[in-house]
Structure formats: structure tokens, C-alpha cells
N, C-alpha and C. Protein backbone atom coordinates (compact mmCIF):
# COMPACT_ATOMS: atom_id res chain seq x y z
N GLY A 1 -45.22 20.70 39.67
CA GLY A 1 -45.03 19.78 40.74
C GLY A 1 -46.34 19.46 41.45
N MET A 2 -46.25 18.43 42.21
CA MET A 2 -47.42 17.94 42.94
C MET A 2 -47.13 17.99 44.45
N VAL A 3 -48.20 18.09 45.20
CA VAL A 3 -48.13 18.10 46.66
C VAL A 3 -48.98 16.95 47.18
N LEU A 4 -48.44 16.19 48.13
CA LEU A 4 -49.19 15.11 48.75
C LEU A 4 -50.10 15.68 49.82
N ILE A 5 -51.39 15.40 49.70
CA ILE A 5 -52.35 15.76 50.73
C ILE A 5 -52.57 14.50 51.57
N GLU A 6 -52.17 14.58 52.82
CA GLU A 6 -52.25 13.42 53.70
C GLU A 6 -53.70 13.03 53.96
N GLY A 7 -53.95 11.76 54.03
CA GLY A 7 -55.27 11.27 54.40
C GLY A 7 -55.47 11.39 55.90
N GLY A 8 -56.68 11.16 56.33
CA GLY A 8 -56.96 11.22 57.76
C GLY A 8 -58.44 11.35 58.04
N SER A 9 -58.76 11.58 59.28
CA SER A 9 -60.16 11.72 59.71
C SER A 9 -60.38 13.13 60.23
N PHE A 10 -61.61 13.59 60.09
CA PHE A 10 -61.99 14.90 60.59
C PHE A 10 -63.47 14.87 60.95
N THR A 11 -63.90 15.85 61.70
CA THR A 11 -65.31 15.97 62.05
C THR A 11 -65.95 16.99 61.13
N SER A 12 -67.00 16.58 60.46
CA SER A 12 -67.69 17.47 59.52
C SER A 12 -68.58 18.46 60.28
N ALA A 13 -69.12 19.43 59.55
CA ALA A 13 -69.97 20.46 60.15
C ALA A 13 -71.20 19.86 60.83
N ASP A 14 -71.64 18.69 60.35
CA ASP A 14 -72.82 18.07 60.97
C ASP A 14 -72.45 17.13 62.12
N GLY A 15 -71.17 17.17 62.53
CA GLY A 15 -70.73 16.39 63.69
C GLY A 15 -70.33 14.96 63.41
N GLN A 16 -70.36 14.53 62.16
CA GLN A 16 -69.99 13.15 61.82
C GLN A 16 -68.50 13.07 61.53
N THR A 17 -67.90 11.94 61.86
CA THR A 17 -66.50 11.70 61.55
C THR A 17 -66.39 11.23 60.11
N ARG A 18 -65.52 11.89 59.36
CA ARG A 18 -65.29 11.56 57.95
C ARG A 18 -63.82 11.22 57.76
N SER A 19 -63.54 10.39 56.77
CA SER A 19 -62.16 10.03 56.46
C SER A 19 -61.90 10.22 54.98
N ILE A 20 -60.67 10.61 54.67
CA ILE A 20 -60.24 10.70 53.29
C ILE A 20 -58.92 9.96 53.14
N VAL A 21 -58.68 9.45 51.95
CA VAL A 21 -57.41 8.81 51.65
C VAL A 21 -56.44 9.87 51.15
N ALA A 22 -55.17 9.61 51.23
CA ALA A 22 -54.16 10.55 50.73
C ALA A 22 -54.32 10.69 49.21
N TYR A 23 -54.00 11.87 48.70
CA TYR A 23 -54.05 12.10 47.25
C TYR A 23 -53.05 13.20 46.88
N TRP A 24 -52.75 13.27 45.60
CA TRP A 24 -51.82 14.27 45.08
C TRP A 24 -52.60 15.40 44.43
N LEU A 25 -52.13 16.62 44.64
CA LEU A 25 -52.77 17.81 44.09
C LEU A 25 -51.70 18.67 43.44
N GLY A 26 -51.99 19.18 42.25
CA GLY A 26 -51.04 20.05 41.56
C GLY A 26 -50.84 21.35 42.31
N LYS A 27 -49.60 21.85 42.33
CA LYS A 27 -49.30 23.12 43.00
C LYS A 27 -49.93 24.29 42.25
N THR A 28 -50.06 24.16 40.96
CA THR A 28 -50.64 25.24 40.16
C THR A 28 -51.75 24.67 39.28
N GLU A 29 -52.58 25.55 38.78
CA GLU A 29 -53.64 25.13 37.88
C GLU A 29 -53.06 24.69 36.54
N VAL A 30 -53.74 23.80 35.86
CA VAL A 30 -53.33 23.36 34.53
C VAL A 30 -53.73 24.45 33.54
N THR A 31 -52.78 24.86 32.69
CA THR A 31 -53.09 25.88 31.70
C THR A 31 -53.75 25.25 30.47
N VAL A 32 -54.33 26.09 29.65
CA VAL A 32 -54.93 25.62 28.40
C VAL A 32 -53.86 24.96 27.54
N GLU A 33 -52.65 25.54 27.46
CA GLU A 33 -51.55 24.95 26.69
C GLU A 33 -51.21 23.56 27.19
N GLU A 34 -51.14 23.38 28.50
CA GLU A 34 -50.83 22.07 29.06
C GLU A 34 -51.93 21.06 28.74
N TYR A 35 -53.17 21.50 28.82
CA TYR A 35 -54.28 20.60 28.51
C TYR A 35 -54.27 20.24 27.03
N GLN A 36 -53.99 21.20 26.16
CA GLN A 36 -53.91 20.92 24.73
C GLN A 36 -52.82 19.90 24.42
N ALA A 37 -51.69 19.98 25.13
CA ALA A 37 -50.62 19.00 24.95
C ALA A 37 -51.09 17.61 25.38
N CYS A 38 -51.88 17.55 26.43
CA CYS A 38 -52.44 16.28 26.90
C CYS A 38 -53.39 15.70 25.86
N VAL A 39 -54.21 16.56 25.24
CA VAL A 39 -55.13 16.12 24.18
C VAL A 39 -54.32 15.58 23.00
N LYS A 40 -53.29 16.33 22.60
CA LYS A 40 -52.44 15.92 21.46
C LYS A 40 -51.76 14.58 21.72
N ALA A 41 -51.40 14.32 22.98
CA ALA A 41 -50.76 13.05 23.35
C ALA A 41 -51.76 11.91 23.44
N GLY A 42 -53.07 12.24 23.36
CA GLY A 42 -54.09 11.21 23.42
C GLY A 42 -54.50 10.81 24.83
N ASN A 43 -54.10 11.60 25.82
CA ASN A 43 -54.41 11.27 27.21
C ASN A 43 -55.58 12.05 27.79
N CYS A 44 -56.04 13.08 27.09
CA CYS A 44 -57.17 13.89 27.56
C CYS A 44 -58.16 14.06 26.42
N ALA A 45 -59.40 14.29 26.78
CA ALA A 45 -60.45 14.47 25.77
C ALA A 45 -60.50 15.92 25.32
N ALA A 46 -60.61 16.13 24.01
CA ALA A 46 -60.80 17.48 23.50
C ALA A 46 -62.18 17.96 23.93
N ARG A 47 -62.31 19.24 24.14
CA ARG A 47 -63.60 19.79 24.55
C ARG A 47 -64.58 19.65 23.40
N THR A 48 -65.82 19.31 23.71
CA THR A 48 -66.84 19.05 22.71
C THR A 48 -68.09 19.85 23.00
N SER A 49 -69.21 19.41 22.45
CA SER A 49 -70.48 20.12 22.61
C SER A 49 -71.02 20.07 24.03
N GLU A 50 -70.32 19.39 24.95
CA GLU A 50 -70.73 19.38 26.35
C GLU A 50 -70.88 20.82 26.85
N PHE A 51 -70.02 21.70 26.34
CA PHE A 51 -70.07 23.11 26.67
C PHE A 51 -70.32 23.86 25.37
N LYS A 52 -71.54 24.19 25.09
CA LYS A 52 -71.94 24.76 23.81
C LYS A 52 -71.54 26.22 23.68
N ASN A 53 -71.11 26.57 22.48
CA ASN A 53 -70.76 27.96 22.16
C ASN A 53 -69.70 28.55 23.09
N GLY A 54 -68.79 27.72 23.58
CA GLY A 54 -67.72 28.21 24.43
C GLY A 54 -68.15 28.61 25.82
N ALA A 55 -69.32 28.18 26.26
CA ALA A 55 -69.78 28.53 27.61
C ALA A 55 -70.38 27.30 28.28
N ASP A 56 -70.26 27.24 29.60
CA ASP A 56 -70.87 26.13 30.33
C ASP A 56 -72.32 26.47 30.64
N ALA A 57 -72.96 25.63 31.41
CA ALA A 57 -74.37 25.79 31.72
C ALA A 57 -74.66 27.09 32.48
N HIS A 58 -73.65 27.66 33.11
CA HIS A 58 -73.83 28.89 33.87
C HIS A 58 -73.46 30.12 33.06
N GLY A 59 -73.10 29.93 31.77
CA GLY A 59 -72.75 31.06 30.92
C GLY A 59 -71.32 31.54 31.08
N THR A 60 -70.50 30.79 31.81
CA THR A 60 -69.11 31.17 32.01
C THR A 60 -68.32 30.89 30.73
N ASN A 61 -67.49 31.82 30.33
CA ASN A 61 -66.69 31.61 29.13
C ASN A 61 -65.63 30.55 29.37
N CYS A 62 -65.50 29.65 28.43
CA CYS A 62 -64.49 28.60 28.49
C CYS A 62 -63.25 29.07 27.75
N ASN A 63 -62.07 28.68 28.23
CA ASN A 63 -60.80 29.12 27.66
C ASN A 63 -60.31 28.26 26.51
N TYR A 64 -60.70 27.00 26.48
CA TYR A 64 -60.14 26.06 25.50
C TYR A 64 -60.44 26.48 24.07
N GLY A 65 -59.41 26.47 23.23
CA GLY A 65 -59.58 26.74 21.81
C GLY A 65 -59.72 28.22 21.47
N LYS A 66 -59.49 29.09 22.41
CA LYS A 66 -59.61 30.53 22.14
C LYS A 66 -58.23 31.16 22.06
N SER A 67 -58.06 32.01 21.09
CA SER A 67 -56.79 32.71 20.88
C SER A 67 -56.44 33.54 22.11
N GLY A 68 -55.16 33.50 22.48
CA GLY A 68 -54.68 34.30 23.60
C GLY A 68 -54.97 33.74 24.96
N LYS A 69 -55.52 32.53 25.05
CA LYS A 69 -55.89 31.95 26.35
C LYS A 69 -54.95 30.82 26.78
N GLY A 70 -53.85 30.60 26.04
CA GLY A 70 -52.96 29.48 26.33
C GLY A 70 -52.39 29.44 27.72
N LYS A 71 -52.10 30.60 28.29
CA LYS A 71 -51.51 30.66 29.64
C LYS A 71 -52.59 30.74 30.72
N HIS A 72 -53.85 30.82 30.32
CA HIS A 72 -54.96 30.88 31.28
C HIS A 72 -55.24 29.49 31.86
N PRO A 73 -55.85 29.42 33.02
CA PRO A 73 -56.21 28.12 33.59
C PRO A 73 -57.23 27.41 32.70
N MET A 74 -57.10 26.11 32.62
CA MET A 74 -58.08 25.31 31.89
C MET A 74 -59.36 25.29 32.70
N ASN A 75 -60.48 25.51 32.03
CA ASN A 75 -61.77 25.45 32.70
C ASN A 75 -62.74 24.67 31.81
N CYS A 76 -63.94 24.51 32.28
CA CYS A 76 -64.99 23.83 31.50
C CYS A 76 -64.61 22.39 31.15
N VAL A 77 -64.05 21.67 32.11
CA VAL A 77 -63.77 20.26 31.91
C VAL A 77 -64.64 19.44 32.85
N SER A 78 -64.89 18.22 32.46
CA SER A 78 -65.68 17.33 33.30
C SER A 78 -64.85 16.87 34.50
N TRP A 79 -65.52 16.30 35.45
CA TRP A 79 -64.84 15.73 36.62
C TRP A 79 -63.81 14.70 36.17
N GLN A 80 -64.18 13.86 35.22
CA GLN A 80 -63.28 12.80 34.74
C GLN A 80 -62.04 13.40 34.06
N ASP A 81 -62.23 14.45 33.28
CA ASP A 81 -61.09 15.07 32.60
C ASP A 81 -60.19 15.82 33.56
N ALA A 82 -60.76 16.36 34.63
CA ALA A 82 -59.94 17.07 35.61
C ALA A 82 -58.99 16.08 36.27
């Protein structure tokens, strides 16, 4: 399920007024299995060499395509894929 995050204005740490529009946010993280289903349906990009050797630029292990990680949260995706 999704939760509606209401838009509005707030004062940032530097004292400026900021505004955001309303948006929807998932109640839970997307699992690797859910992401793989999205790839299979043609709606998401399969992970590629953007994250070499199963790790991102910070050396964090990526879950996609690894045995036993289907129920784990999907990680190592681009902003666009998220």
C-alpha cells in the first residue's frame, strides 16, 4: 500500500521557507522479488554495469540477482528506477 504525504510549506534549517507538493510513498520497501517482477513486466530496468561486481561506488553489496536475497529490500538502483 501507499501513503499520501501531504504537501505544504516549512522553514528549513537555514531559515528559508520551502514548499513541497503532495506525493505518494510506499509503506514498505520494495523487495528484490518485487523489483524483478517489475523488470519482467518491462516497467523497470534490470541492474547493469552501473554497479560493478555487485557493489556500488561505496562498496555496499547489492541484493539484485543474488541467491537468497528475494525478500531483502531492493538496493543499488538509480534515482529514476526508484
